[in-house]
Each structure stands twice: as C-alpha cells, then as structure tokens.
C-alpha cells in the first residue's frame, strides 16, 4: 500500500481486506494479519463481515472460497475496485499494480 502513497492516491482511496471466515477471524487474528501486512488502519483497513452478509458479499464480488482440507480456506486472489457508491468497477490481478492504479485513476476522474 506504500505505492498508493507514492502515487498520491492515498487521500482518494480506502483499501479494505475482508476476512472470509468471520467465525474464526476474531479481532486479535485480524490485528495480527494487519501488522504482518503493514495495514495501518488509516490507509488500509482489515475487517470481517457479519456472517449472514458473507454469502451475498462473495457472490456479488465473484469470490470463490472452499475448505483447503487443512482447517483453512482457499480462495481466488484479486483486487476489487469498488466505487464510493458500492459499484464493482473492476477485478485485477494483485501483481498488476499498474493496471490497478490506472483503473483507479480512470474511475476517480479528475
């Protein structure tokens, strides 16, 4: 997320990482995840949905989550660009930061 600061987008975007296992991912676990990934809370937030909201959230954003056979979950990894009004504007490979930044700039406009 440091690159967002360098690209002067930090004051215009709010990255959010969402847990897919709200029953397991309690506050201490999410705080640990945030520390390990340098989610500072000011720019990048880590959270969990209410369990009842999770199926709709996964469906709306095209996320597939399956048990990994080891007590965890496997899921497709992507960056979802969501507008301020909640519209899905794009889904990107997390390794293609240039495409993410370009699409974000187009979505935000001048």
PDB file of N, CA and C in Angstrom:
ATOM      1  N   UNK A   1       0.814  -1.196   0.000  1.00  0.00           N
ATOM      2  CA  UNK A   1       0.000   0.000   0.000  1.00  0.00           C
ATOM      3  C   UNK A   1       0.855   1.256   0.000  1.00  0.00           C
ATOM      4  N   UNK A   2       2.141   1.099   0.264  1.00  0.00           N
ATOM      5  CA  UNK A   2       3.017   2.262   0.215  1.00  0.00           C
ATOM      6  C   UNK A   2       3.000   2.901  -1.166  1.00  0.00           C
ATOM      7  N   UNK A   3       2.827   2.098  -2.222  1.00  0.00           N
ATOM      8  CA  UNK A   3       2.808   2.647  -3.574  1.00  0.00           C
ATOM      9  C   UNK A   3       1.632   3.582  -3.777  1.00  0.00           C
ATOM     10  N   UNK A   4       0.524   3.338  -3.095  1.00  0.00           N
ATOM     11  CA  UNK A   4      -0.607   4.264  -3.198  1.00  0.00           C
ATOM     12  C   UNK A   4      -0.211   5.632  -2.670  1.00  0.00           C
ATOM     13  N   UNK A   5       0.581   5.645  -1.628  1.00  0.00           N
ATOM     14  CA  UNK A   5       1.048   6.914  -1.088  1.00  0.00           C
ATOM     15  C   UNK A   5       1.935   7.621  -2.106  1.00  0.00           C
ATOM     16  N   UNK A   6       2.792   6.850  -2.770  1.00  0.00           N
ATOM     17  CA  UNK A   6       3.673   7.441  -3.768  1.00  0.00           C
ATOM     18  C   UNK A   6       2.901   7.937  -4.979  1.00  0.00           C
ATOM     19  N   UNK A   7       1.816   7.287  -5.308  1.00  0.00           N
ATOM     20  CA  UNK A   7       1.004   7.679  -6.454  1.00  0.00           C
ATOM     21  C   UNK A   7      -0.047   8.717  -6.097  1.00  0.00           C
ATOM     22  N   UNK A   8       0.048   9.291  -4.920  1.00  0.00           N
ATOM     23  CA  UNK A   8      -0.882  10.333  -4.484  1.00  0.00           C
ATOM     24  C   UNK A   8      -2.344   9.898  -4.554  1.00  0.00           C
ATOM     25  N   UNK A   9      -2.590   8.635  -4.302  1.00  0.00           N
ATOM     26  CA  UNK A   9      -3.963   8.140  -4.276  1.00  0.00           C
ATOM     27  C   UNK A   9      -4.458   7.921  -2.849  1.00  0.00           C
ATOM     28  N   UNK A  10      -3.569   7.977  -1.886  1.00  0.00           N
ATOM     29  CA  UNK A  10      -3.925   7.637  -0.513  1.00  0.00           C
ATOM     30  C   UNK A  10      -5.068   8.472   0.038  1.00  0.00           C
ATOM     31  N   UNK A  11      -5.179   9.706  -0.406  1.00  0.00           N
ATOM     32  CA  UNK A  11      -6.265  10.549   0.100  1.00  0.00           C
ATOM     33  C   UNK A  11      -7.561  10.361  -0.676  1.00  0.00           C
ATOM     34  N   UNK A  12      -7.547   9.456  -1.683  1.00  0.00           N
ATOM     35  CA  UNK A  12      -8.735   9.275  -2.519  1.00  0.00           C
ATOM     36  C   UNK A  12      -9.268   7.845  -2.525  1.00  0.00           C
ATOM     37  N   UNK A  13      -8.527   6.912  -1.924  1.00  0.00           N
ATOM     38  CA  UNK A  13      -8.950   5.512  -1.897  1.00  0.00           C
ATOM     39  C   UNK A  13      -8.874   4.970  -0.472  1.00  0.00           C
ATOM     40  N   UNK A  14      -9.570   3.875  -0.235  1.00  0.00           N
ATOM     41  CA  UNK A  14      -9.569   3.221   1.069  1.00  0.00           C
ATOM     42  C   UNK A  14      -9.471   1.718   0.881  1.00  0.00           C
ATOM     43  N   UNK A  15      -8.257   1.158   0.768  1.00  0.00           N
ATOM     44  CA  UNK A  15      -8.123  -0.290   0.627  1.00  0.00           C
ATOM     45  C   UNK A  15      -8.716  -1.013   1.838  1.00  0.00           C
ATOM     46  N   UNK A  16      -9.358  -2.138   1.558  1.00  0.00           N
ATOM     47  CA  UNK A  16     -10.016  -2.940   2.580  1.00  0.00           C
ATOM     48  C   UNK A  16      -9.749  -4.402   2.302  1.00  0.00           C
ATOM     49  N   UNK A  17      -9.197  -5.113   3.276  1.00  0.00           N
ATOM     50  CA  UNK A  17      -9.063  -6.565   3.198  1.00  0.00           C
ATOM     51  C   UNK A  17     -10.186  -7.158   4.019  1.00  0.00           C
ATOM     52  N   UNK A  18     -10.878  -8.143   3.440  1.00  0.00           N
ATOM     53  CA  UNK A  18     -12.060  -8.722   4.079  1.00  0.00           C
ATOM     54  C   UNK A  18     -11.816 -10.184   4.404  1.00  0.00           C
ATOM     55  N   UNK A  19     -12.096 -10.569   5.636  1.00  0.00           N
ATOM     56  CA  UNK A  19     -12.000 -11.964   6.060  1.00  0.00           C
ATOM     57  C   UNK A  19     -13.119 -12.774   5.419  1.00  0.00           C
ATOM     58  N   UNK A  20     -12.789 -14.002   5.048  1.00  0.00           N
ATOM     59  CA  UNK A  20     -13.802 -14.921   4.517  1.00  0.00           C
ATOM     60  C   UNK A  20     -14.231 -15.924   5.577  1.00  0.00           C
ATOM     61  N   UNK A  21     -13.712 -15.780   6.773  1.00  0.00           N
ATOM     62  CA  UNK A  21     -14.010 -16.705   7.863  1.00  0.00           C
ATOM     63  C   UNK A  21     -14.275 -15.917   9.148  1.00  0.00           C
ATOM     64  N   UNK A  22     -15.392 -15.160   9.172  1.00  0.00           N
ATOM     65  CA  UNK A  22     -15.641 -14.281  10.315  1.00  0.00           C
ATOM     66  C   UNK A  22     -15.788 -15.030  11.639  1.00  0.00           C
ATOM     67  N   UNK A  23     -16.170 -16.298  11.610  1.00  0.00           N
ATOM     68  CA  UNK A  23     -16.288 -17.062  12.854  1.00  0.00           C
ATOM     69  C   UNK A  23     -14.909 -17.366  13.441  1.00  0.00           C
ATOM     70  N   UNK A  24     -13.910 -17.496  12.614  1.00  0.00           N
ATOM     71  CA  UNK A  24     -12.548 -17.836  13.039  1.00  0.00           C
ATOM     72  C   UNK A  24     -11.675 -16.596  13.198  1.00  0.00           C
ATOM     73  N   UNK A  25     -11.850 -15.637  12.317  1.00  0.00           N
ATOM     74  CA  UNK A  25     -11.000 -14.441  12.304  1.00  0.00           C
ATOM     75  C   UNK A  25     -11.523 -13.395  13.273  1.00  0.00           C
ATOM     76  N   UNK A  26     -11.148 -13.566  14.544  1.00  0.00           N
ATOM     77  CA  UNK A  26     -11.552 -12.610  15.569  1.00  0.00           C
ATOM     78  C   UNK A  26     -10.655 -11.369  15.505  1.00  0.00           C
ATOM     79  N   UNK A  27     -10.914 -10.418  16.356  1.00  0.00           N
ATOM     80  CA  UNK A  27     -10.171  -9.155  16.345  1.00  0.00           C
ATOM     81  C   UNK A  27      -8.666  -9.369  16.512  1.00  0.00           C
ATOM     82  N   UNK A  28      -8.205 -10.186  17.461  1.00  0.00           N
ATOM     83  CA  UNK A  28      -6.750 -10.379  17.572  1.00  0.00           C
ATOM     84  C   UNK A  28      -6.120 -10.986  16.310  1.00  0.00           C
ATOM     85  N   UNK A  29      -6.802 -11.928  15.685  1.00  0.00           N
ATOM     86  CA  UNK A  29      -6.261 -12.517  14.448  1.00  0.00           C
ATOM     87  C   UNK A  29      -6.187 -11.490  13.327  1.00  0.00           C
ATOM     88  N   UNK A  30      -7.229 -10.684  13.197  1.00  0.00           N
ATOM     89  CA  UNK A  30      -7.222  -9.659  12.154  1.00  0.00           C
ATOM     90  C   UNK A  30      -6.170  -8.585  12.444  1.00  0.00           C
ATOM     91  N   UNK A  31      -5.996  -8.243  13.706  1.00  0.00           N
ATOM     92  CA  UNK A  31      -4.959  -7.274  14.073  1.00  0.00           C
ATOM     93  C   UNK A  31      -3.573  -7.822  13.731  1.00  0.00           C
ATOM     94  N   UNK A  32      -3.354  -9.110  13.986  1.00  0.00           N
ATOM     95  CA  UNK A  32      -2.074  -9.734  13.648  1.00  0.00           C
ATOM     96  C   UNK A  32      -1.863  -9.720  12.134  1.00  0.00           C
ATOM     97  N   UNK A  33      -2.887 -10.062  11.376  1.00  0.00           N
ATOM     98  CA  UNK A  33      -2.800 -10.022   9.913  1.00  0.00           C
ATOM     99  C   UNK A  33      -2.440  -8.606   9.457  1.00  0.00           C
ATOM    100  N   UNK A  34      -3.105  -7.618  10.015  1.00  0.00           N
ATOM    101  CA  UNK A  34      -2.829  -6.237   9.655  1.00  0.00           C
ATOM    102  C   UNK A  34      -1.398  -5.836   9.945  1.00  0.00           C
ATOM    103  N   UNK A  35      -0.883  -6.227  11.097  1.00  0.00           N
ATOM    104  CA  UNK A  35       0.512  -5.912  11.445  1.00  0.00           C
ATOM    105  C   UNK A  35       1.483  -6.569  10.472  1.00  0.00           C
ATOM    106  N   UNK A  36       1.240  -7.859  10.188  1.00  0.00           N
ATOM    107  CA  UNK A  36       2.148  -8.592   9.295  1.00  0.00           C
ATOM    108  C   UNK A  36       2.159  -8.025   7.879  1.00  0.00           C
ATOM    109  N   UNK A  37       1.029  -7.437   7.449  1.00  0.00           N
ATOM    110  CA  UNK A  37       0.930  -6.907   6.085  1.00  0.00           C
ATOM    111  C   UNK A  37       1.008  -5.379   6.035  1.00  0.00           C
ATOM    112  N   UNK A  38       1.329  -4.782   7.159  1.00  0.00           N
ATOM    113  CA  UNK A  38       1.506  -3.326   7.264  1.00  0.00           C
ATOM    114  C   UNK A  38       0.234  -2.544   6.920  1.00  0.00           C
ATOM    115  N   UNK A  39      -0.907  -3.093   7.290  1.00  0.00           N
ATOM    116  CA  UNK A  39      -2.173  -2.371   7.141  1.00  0.00           C
ATOM    117  C   UNK A  39      -2.250  -1.388   8.311  1.00  0.00           C
ATOM    118  N   UNK A  40      -2.148  -0.117   8.009  1.00  0.00           N
ATOM    119  CA  UNK A  40      -2.004   0.874   9.077  1.00  0.00           C
ATOM    120  C   UNK A  40      -3.315   1.358   9.685  1.00  0.00           C
ATOM    121  N   UNK A  41      -4.444   0.995   9.127  1.00  0.00           N
ATOM    122  CA  UNK A  41      -5.730   1.424   9.672  1.00  0.00           C
ATOM    123  C   UNK A  41      -6.157   2.788   9.172  1.00  0.00           C
ATOM    124  N   UNK A  42      -5.195   3.651   8.863  1.00  0.00           N
ATOM    125  CA  UNK A  42      -5.527   4.968   8.312  1.00  0.00           C
ATOM    126  C   UNK A  42      -5.742   4.876   6.811  1.00  0.00           C
ATOM    127  N   UNK A  43      -4.854   4.153   6.130  1.00  0.00           N
ATOM    128  CA  UNK A  43      -4.982   3.976   4.683  1.00  0.00           C
ATOM    129  C   UNK A  43      -5.656   2.644   4.363  1.00  0.00           C
ATOM    130  N   UNK A  44      -5.231   1.581   5.022  1.00  0.00           N
ATOM    131  CA  UNK A  44      -5.660   0.220   4.683  1.00  0.00           C
ATOM    132  C   UNK A  44      -6.322  -0.393   5.909  1.00  0.00           C
ATOM    133  N   UNK A  45      -7.556  -0.849   5.750  1.00  0.00           N
ATOM    134  CA  UNK A  45      -8.332  -1.429   6.839  1.00  0.00           C
ATOM    135  C   UNK A  45      -8.509  -2.934   6.618  1.00  0.00           C
ATOM    136  N   UNK A  46      -8.498  -3.680   7.695  1.00  0.00           N
ATOM    137  CA  UNK A  46      -8.766  -5.117   7.679  1.00  0.00           C
ATOM    138  C   UNK A  46     -10.043  -5.326   8.482  1.00  0.00           C
ATOM    139  N   UNK A  47     -10.990  -6.077   7.926  1.00  0.00           N
ATOM    140  CA  UNK A  47     -12.252  -6.269   8.633  1.00  0.00           C
ATOM    141  C   UNK A  47     -12.896  -7.595   8.319  1.00  0.00           C
ATOM    142  N   UNK A  48     -14.034  -7.794   8.925  1.00  0.00           N
ATOM    143  CA  UNK A  48     -14.794  -9.023   8.684  1.00  0.00           C
ATOM    144  C   UNK A  48     -16.268  -8.662   8.592  1.00  0.00           C
ATOM    145  N   UNK A  49     -16.978  -9.302   7.676  1.00  0.00           N
ATOM    146  CA  UNK A  49     -18.407  -9.033   7.552  1.00  0.00           C
ATOM    147  C   UNK A  49     -19.193  -9.801   8.615  1.00  0.00           C
ATOM    148  N   UNK A  50     -20.419  -9.404   8.804  1.00  0.00           N
ATOM    149  CA  UNK A  50     -21.316 -10.207   9.621  1.00  0.00           C
ATOM    150  C   UNK A  50     -21.498 -11.543   8.900  1.00  0.00           C
ATOM    151  N   UNK A  51     -21.517 -12.664   9.621  1.00  0.00           N
ATOM    152  CA  UNK A  51     -21.639 -13.973   8.967  1.00  0.00           C
ATOM    153  C   UNK A  51     -22.810 -14.061   7.982  1.00  0.00           C
ATOM    154  N   UNK A  52     -23.940 -13.463   8.299  1.00  0.00           N
ATOM    155  CA  UNK A  52     -25.106 -13.536   7.411  1.00  0.00           C
ATOM    156  C   UNK A  52     -24.874 -12.784   6.100  1.00  0.00           C
ATOM    157  N   UNK A  53     -23.985 -11.794   6.106  1.00  0.00           N
ATOM    158  CA  UNK A  53     -23.722 -10.995   4.904  1.00  0.00           C
ATOM    159  C   UNK A  53     -22.689 -11.635   3.983  1.00  0.00           C
ATOM    160  N   UNK A  54     -21.923 -12.591   4.490  1.00  0.00           N
ATOM    161  CA  UNK A  54     -20.818 -13.157   3.726  1.00  0.00           C
ATOM    162  C   UNK A  54     -21.238 -13.814   2.410  1.00  0.00           C
ATOM    163  N   UNK A  55     -22.244 -14.677   2.358  1.00  0.00           N
ATOM    164  CA  UNK A  55     -22.599 -15.300   1.074  1.00  0.00           C
ATOM    165  C   UNK A  55     -22.923 -14.277  -0.023  1.00  0.00           C
ATOM    166  N   UNK A  56     -23.673 -13.254   0.295  1.00  0.00           N
ATOM    167  CA  UNK A  56     -24.003 -12.236  -0.695  1.00  0.00           C
ATOM    168  C   UNK A  56     -22.782 -11.455  -1.132  1.00  0.00           C
ATOM    169  N   UNK A  57     -21.911 -11.130  -0.187  1.00  0.00           N
ATOM    170  CA  UNK A  57     -20.681 -10.414  -0.499  1.00  0.00           C
ATOM    171  C   UNK A  57     -19.811 -11.222  -1.454  1.00  0.00           C
ATOM    172  N   UNK A  58     -19.620 -12.500  -1.159  1.00  0.00           N
ATOM    173  CA  UNK A  58     -18.821 -13.364  -2.019  1.00  0.00           C
ATOM    174  C   UNK A  58     -19.435 -13.466  -3.406  1.00  0.00           C
ATOM    175  N   UNK A  59     -20.734 -13.647  -3.472  1.00  0.00           N
ATOM    176  CA  UNK A  59     -21.426 -13.746  -4.753  1.00  0.00           C
ATOM    177  C   UNK A  59     -21.323 -12.455  -5.556  1.00  0.00           C
ATOM    178  N   UNK A  60     -21.604 -11.343  -4.921  1.00  0.00           N
ATOM    179  CA  UNK A  60     -21.579 -10.044  -5.611  1.00  0.00           C
ATOM    180  C   UNK A  60     -20.214  -9.713  -6.185  1.00  0.00           C
ATOM    181  N   UNK A  61     -19.151 -10.170  -5.520  1.00  0.00           N
ATOM    182  CA  UNK A  61     -17.806  -9.811  -5.951  1.00  0.00           C
ATOM    183  C   UNK A  61     -17.060 -10.961  -6.630  1.00  0.00           C
ATOM    184  N   UNK A  62     -17.766 -12.054  -6.916  1.00  0.00           N
ATOM    185  CA  UNK A  62     -17.165 -13.139  -7.673  1.00  0.00           C
ATOM    186  C   UNK A  62     -16.030 -13.846  -6.970  1.00  0.00           C
ATOM    187  N   UNK A  63     -16.139 -13.990  -5.651  1.00  0.00           N
ATOM    188  CA  UNK A  63     -15.089 -14.646  -4.881  1.00  0.00           C
ATOM    189  C   UNK A  63     -15.534 -16.072  -4.569  1.00  0.00           C
ATOM    190  N   UNK A  64     -14.635 -17.030  -4.842  1.00  0.00           N
ATOM    191  CA  UNK A  64     -14.891 -18.426  -4.528  1.00  0.00           C
ATOM    192  C   UNK A  64     -14.016 -18.817  -3.345  1.00  0.00           C
ATOM    193  N   UNK A  65     -14.641 -19.374  -2.316  1.00  0.00           N
ATOM    194  CA  UNK A  65     -13.933 -19.800  -1.111  1.00  0.00           C
ATOM    195  C   UNK A  65     -14.302 -21.252  -0.856  1.00  0.00           C
ATOM    196  N   UNK A  66     -13.276 -22.091  -0.683  1.00  0.00           N
ATOM    197  CA  UNK A  66     -13.511 -23.510  -0.412  1.00  0.00           C
ATOM    198  C   UNK A  66     -12.586 -23.960   0.720  1.00  0.00           C
ATOM    199  N   UNK A  67     -13.007 -24.965   1.497  1.00  0.00           N
ATOM    200  CA  UNK A  67     -12.114 -25.507   2.525  1.00  0.00           C
ATOM    201  C   UNK A  67     -10.855 -26.071   1.880  1.00  0.00           C
ATOM    202  N   UNK A  68      -9.698 -25.847   2.510  1.00  0.00           N
ATOM    203  CA  UNK A  68      -8.443 -26.313   1.929  1.00  0.00           C
ATOM    204  C   UNK A  68      -8.053 -27.719   2.387  1.00  0.00           C
ATOM    205  N   UNK A  69      -8.861 -28.331   3.251  1.00  0.00           N
ATOM    206  CA  UNK A  69      -8.557 -29.670   3.736  1.00  0.00           C
ATOM    207  C   UNK A  69      -7.626 -29.696   4.934  1.00  0.00           C
ATOM    208  N   UNK A  70      -7.147 -28.536   5.350  1.00  0.00           N
ATOM    209  CA  UNK A  70      -6.223 -28.435   6.486  1.00  0.00           C
ATOM    210  C   UNK A  70      -6.789 -27.549   7.592  1.00  0.00           C
ATOM    211  N   UNK A  71      -8.080 -27.276   7.528  1.00  0.00           N
ATOM    212  CA  UNK A  71      -8.710 -26.432   8.531  1.00  0.00           C
ATOM    213  C   UNK A  71      -8.789 -24.968   8.144  1.00  0.00           C
ATOM    214  N   UNK A  72      -8.265 -24.640   6.980  1.00  0.00           N
ATOM    215  CA  UNK A  72      -8.304 -23.261   6.495  1.00  0.00           C
ATOM    216  C   UNK A  72      -9.184 -23.136   5.264  1.00  0.00           C
ATOM    217  N   UNK A  73      -9.051 -22.029   4.600  1.00  0.00           N
ATOM    218  CA  UNK A  73      -9.837 -21.762   3.396  1.00  0.00           C
ATOM    219  C   UNK A  73      -8.915 -21.356   2.261  1.00  0.00           C
ATOM    220  N   UNK A  74      -9.260 -21.786   1.063  1.00  0.00           N
ATOM    221  CA  UNK A  74      -8.560 -21.350  -0.145  1.00  0.00           C
ATOM    222  C   UNK A  74      -9.534 -20.464  -0.923  1.00  0.00           C
ATOM    223  N   UNK A  75      -8.986 -19.454  -1.574  1.00  0.00           N
ATOM    224  CA  UNK A  75      -9.847 -18.541  -2.326  1.00  0.00           C
ATOM    225  C   UNK A  75      -9.075 -17.927  -3.474  1.00  0.00           C
ATOM    226  N   UNK A  76      -9.828 -17.466  -4.479  1.00  0.00           N
ATOM    227  CA  UNK A  76      -9.178 -16.745  -5.562  1.00  0.00           C
ATOM    228  C   UNK A  76      -8.688 -15.407  -5.013  1.00  0.00           C
ATOM    229  N   UNK A  77      -7.574 -14.944  -5.517  1.00  0.00           N
ATOM    230  CA  UNK A  77      -6.959 -13.716  -5.021  1.00  0.00           C
ATOM    231  C   UNK A  77      -7.082 -12.651  -6.096  1.00  0.00           C
ATOM    232  N   UNK A  78      -7.636 -11.519  -5.719  1.00  0.00           N
ATOM    233  CA  UNK A  78      -7.799 -10.419  -6.664  1.00  0.00           C
ATOM    234  C   UNK A  78      -7.972  -9.119  -5.901  1.00  0.00           C
ATOM    235  N   UNK A  79      -7.759  -8.037  -6.621  1.00  0.00           N
ATOM    236  CA  UNK A  79      -8.055  -6.708  -6.099  1.00  0.00           C
ATOM    237  C   UNK A  79      -9.338  -6.253  -6.777  1.00  0.00           C
ATOM    238  N   UNK A  80     -10.320  -5.915  -5.975  1.00  0.00           N
ATOM    239  CA  UNK A  80     -11.614  -5.455  -6.480  1.00  0.00           C
ATOM    240  C   UNK A  80     -11.683  -3.942  -6.324  1.00  0.00           C
ATOM    241  N   UNK A  81     -11.929  -3.264  -7.417  1.00  0.00           N
ATOM    242  CA  UNK A  81     -12.075  -1.811  -7.381  1.00  0.00           C
ATOM    243  C   UNK A  81     -13.560  -1.506  -7.237  1.00  0.00           C
ATOM    244  N   UNK A  82     -13.914  -0.859  -6.148  1.00  0.00           N
ATOM    245  CA  UNK A  82     -15.316  -0.574  -5.832  1.00  0.00           C
ATOM    246  C   UNK A  82     -15.479   0.938  -5.722  1.00  0.00           C
ATOM    247  N   UNK A  83     -16.491   1.466  -6.371  1.00  0.00           N
ATOM    248  CA  UNK A  83     -16.745   2.902  -6.334  1.00  0.00           C
ATOM    249  C   UNK A  83     -17.326   3.307  -4.984  1.00  0.00           C
ATOM    250  N   UNK A  84     -17.366   4.602  -4.735  1.00  0.00           N
ATOM    251  CA  UNK A  84     -17.893   5.117  -3.472  1.00  0.00           C
ATOM    252  C   UNK A  84     -19.343   4.712  -3.257  1.00  0.00           C
ATOM    253  N   UNK A  85     -20.079   4.486  -4.350  1.00  0.00           N
ATOM    254  CA  UNK A  85     -21.480   4.092  -4.216  1.00  0.00           C
ATOM    255  C   UNK A  85     -21.668   2.572  -4.204  1.00  0.00           C
ATOM    256  N   UNK A  86     -20.559   1.818  -4.099  1.00  0.00           N
ATOM    257  CA  UNK A  86     -20.638   0.368  -3.954  1.00  0.00           C
ATOM    258  C   UNK A  86     -20.675  -0.418  -5.246  1.00  0.00           C
ATOM    259  N   UNK A  87     -20.449   0.214  -6.391  1.00  0.00           N
ATOM    260  CA  UNK A  87     -20.459  -0.475  -7.684  1.00  0.00           C
ATOM    261  C   UNK A  87     -19.088  -1.114  -7.937  1.00  0.00           C
ATOM    262  N   UNK A  88     -19.104  -2.362  -8.385  1.00  0.00           N
ATOM    263  CA  UNK A  88     -17.865  -3.053  -8.737  1.00  0.00           C
ATOM    264  C   UNK A  88     -17.374  -2.500 -10.071  1.00  0.00           C
ATOM    265  N   UNK A  89     -16.200  -1.862 -10.060  1.00  0.00           N
ATOM    266  CA  UNK A  89     -15.669  -1.213 -11.260  1.00  0.00           C
ATOM    267  C   UNK A  89     -14.600  -2.043 -11.954  1.00  0.00           C
ATOM    268  N   UNK A  90     -14.093  -3.085 -11.309  1.00  0.00           N
ATOM    269  CA  UNK A  90     -13.084  -3.930 -11.938  1.00  0.00           C
ATOM    270  C   UNK A  90     -12.493  -4.912 -10.964  1.00  0.00           C
ATOM    271  N   UNK A  91     -11.950  -5.992 -11.534  1.00  0.00           N
ATOM    272  CA  UNK A  91     -11.274  -7.027 -10.759  1.00  0.00           C
ATOM    273  C   UNK A  91      -9.908  -7.208 -11.394  1.00  0.00           C
ATOM    274  N   UNK A  92      -8.850  -7.187 -10.567  1.00  0.00           N
ATOM    275  CA  UNK A  92      -7.492  -7.166 -11.090  1.00  0.00           C
ATOM    276  C   UNK A  92      -6.595  -8.181 -10.402  1.00  0.00           C
ATOM    277  N   UNK A  93      -5.597  -8.634 -11.138  1.00  0.00           N
ATOM    278  CA  UNK A  93      -4.541  -9.453 -10.582  1.00  0.00           C
ATOM    279  C   UNK A  93      -3.761  -8.573  -9.606  1.00  0.00           C
ATOM    280  N   UNK A  94      -3.549  -9.020  -8.376  1.00  0.00           N
ATOM    281  CA  UNK A  94      -2.857  -8.170  -7.406  1.00  0.00           C
ATOM    282  C   UNK A  94      -1.414  -7.850  -7.794  1.00  0.00           C
ATOM    283  N   UNK A  95      -0.834  -8.623  -8.687  1.00  0.00           N
ATOM    284  CA  UNK A  95       0.532  -8.363  -9.131  1.00  0.00           C
ATOM    285  C   UNK A  95       0.605  -7.298 -10.226  1.00  0.00           C
ATOM    286  N   UNK A  96      -0.526  -6.898 -10.776  1.00  0.00           N
ATOM    287  CA  UNK A  96      -0.540  -5.904 -11.853  1.00  0.00           C
ATOM    288  C   UNK A  96      -0.895  -4.535 -11.283  1.00  0.00           C
ATOM    289  N   UNK A  97       0.019  -4.000 -10.473  1.00  0.00           N
ATOM    290  CA  UNK A  97      -0.255  -2.744  -9.782  1.00  0.00           C
ATOM    291  C   UNK A  97      -0.491  -1.597 -10.760  1.00  0.00           C
ATOM    292  N   UNK A  98       0.189  -1.605 -11.883  1.00  0.00           N
ATOM    293  CA  UNK A  98      -0.002  -0.552 -12.872  1.00  0.00           C
ATOM    294  C   UNK A  98      -1.432  -0.496 -13.377  1.00  0.00           C
ATOM    295  N   UNK A  99      -2.015  -1.650 -13.658  1.00  0.00           N
ATOM    296  CA  UNK A  99      -3.411  -1.692 -14.121  1.00  0.00           C
ATOM    297  C   UNK A  99      -4.365  -1.228 -13.026  1.00  0.00           C
ATOM    298  N   UNK A 100      -4.067  -1.591 -11.793  1.00  0.00           N
ATOM    299  CA  UNK A 100      -4.913  -1.178 -10.666  1.00  0.00           C
ATOM    300  C   UNK A 100      -4.889   0.338 -10.530  1.00  0.00           C
ATOM    301  N   UNK A 101      -3.702   0.913 -10.559  1.00  0.00           N
ATOM    302  CA  UNK A 101      -3.572   2.368 -10.420  1.00  0.00           C
ATOM    303  C   UNK A 101      -4.247   3.080 -11.590  1.00  0.00           C
ATOM    304  N   UNK A 102      -4.028   2.599 -12.818  1.00  0.00           N
ATOM    305  CA  UNK A 102      -4.646   3.234 -13.993  1.00  0.00           C
ATOM    306  C   UNK A 102      -6.166   3.190 -13.918  1.00  0.00           C
ATOM    307  N   UNK A 103      -6.715   2.031 -13.576  1.00  0.00           N
ATOM    308  CA  UNK A 103      -8.176   1.904 -13.482  1.00  0.00           C
ATOM    309  C   UNK A 103      -8.725   2.756 -12.346  1.00  0.00           C
ATOM    310  N   UNK A 104      -7.994   2.835 -11.261  1.00  0.00           N
ATOM    311  CA  UNK A 104      -8.422   3.670 -10.136  1.00  0.00           C
ATOM    312  C   UNK A 104      -8.473   5.127 -10.555  1.00  0.00           C
ATOM    313  N   UNK A 105      -7.449   5.569 -11.254  1.00  0.00           N
ATOM    314  CA  UNK A 105      -7.427   6.965 -11.734  1.00  0.00           C
ATOM    315  C   UNK A 105      -8.589   7.236 -12.681  1.00  0.00           C
ATOM    316  N   UNK A 106      -8.856   6.294 -13.599  1.00  0.00           N
ATOM    317  CA  UNK A 106      -9.989   6.472 -14.540  1.00  0.00           C
ATOM    318  C   UNK A 106     -11.312   6.514 -13.786  1.00  0.00           C
ATOM    319  N   UNK A 107     -11.452   5.645 -12.794  1.00  0.00           N
ATOM    320  CA  UNK A 107     -12.700   5.573 -12.032  1.00  0.00           C
ATOM    321  C   UNK A 107     -12.923   6.837 -11.208  1.00  0.00           C
ATOM    322  N   UNK A 108     -11.846   7.340 -10.612  1.00  0.00           N
ATOM    323  CA  UNK A 108     -11.962   8.538  -9.772  1.00  0.00           C
ATOM    324  C   UNK A 108     -12.164   9.798 -10.590  1.00  0.00           C
ATOM    325  N   UNK A 109     -11.613   9.812 -11.784  1.00  0.00           N
ATOM    326  CA  UNK A 109     -11.719  11.014 -12.612  1.00  0.00           C
ATOM    327  C   UNK A 109     -10.826  12.126 -12.107  1.00  0.00           C
ATOM    328  N   UNK A 110     -10.984  13.306 -12.704  1.00  0.00           N
ATOM    329  CA  UNK A 110     -10.110  14.424 -12.340  1.00  0.00           C
ATOM    330  C   UNK A 110     -10.305  14.909 -10.908  1.00  0.00           C
TER     331      UNK A 110
END
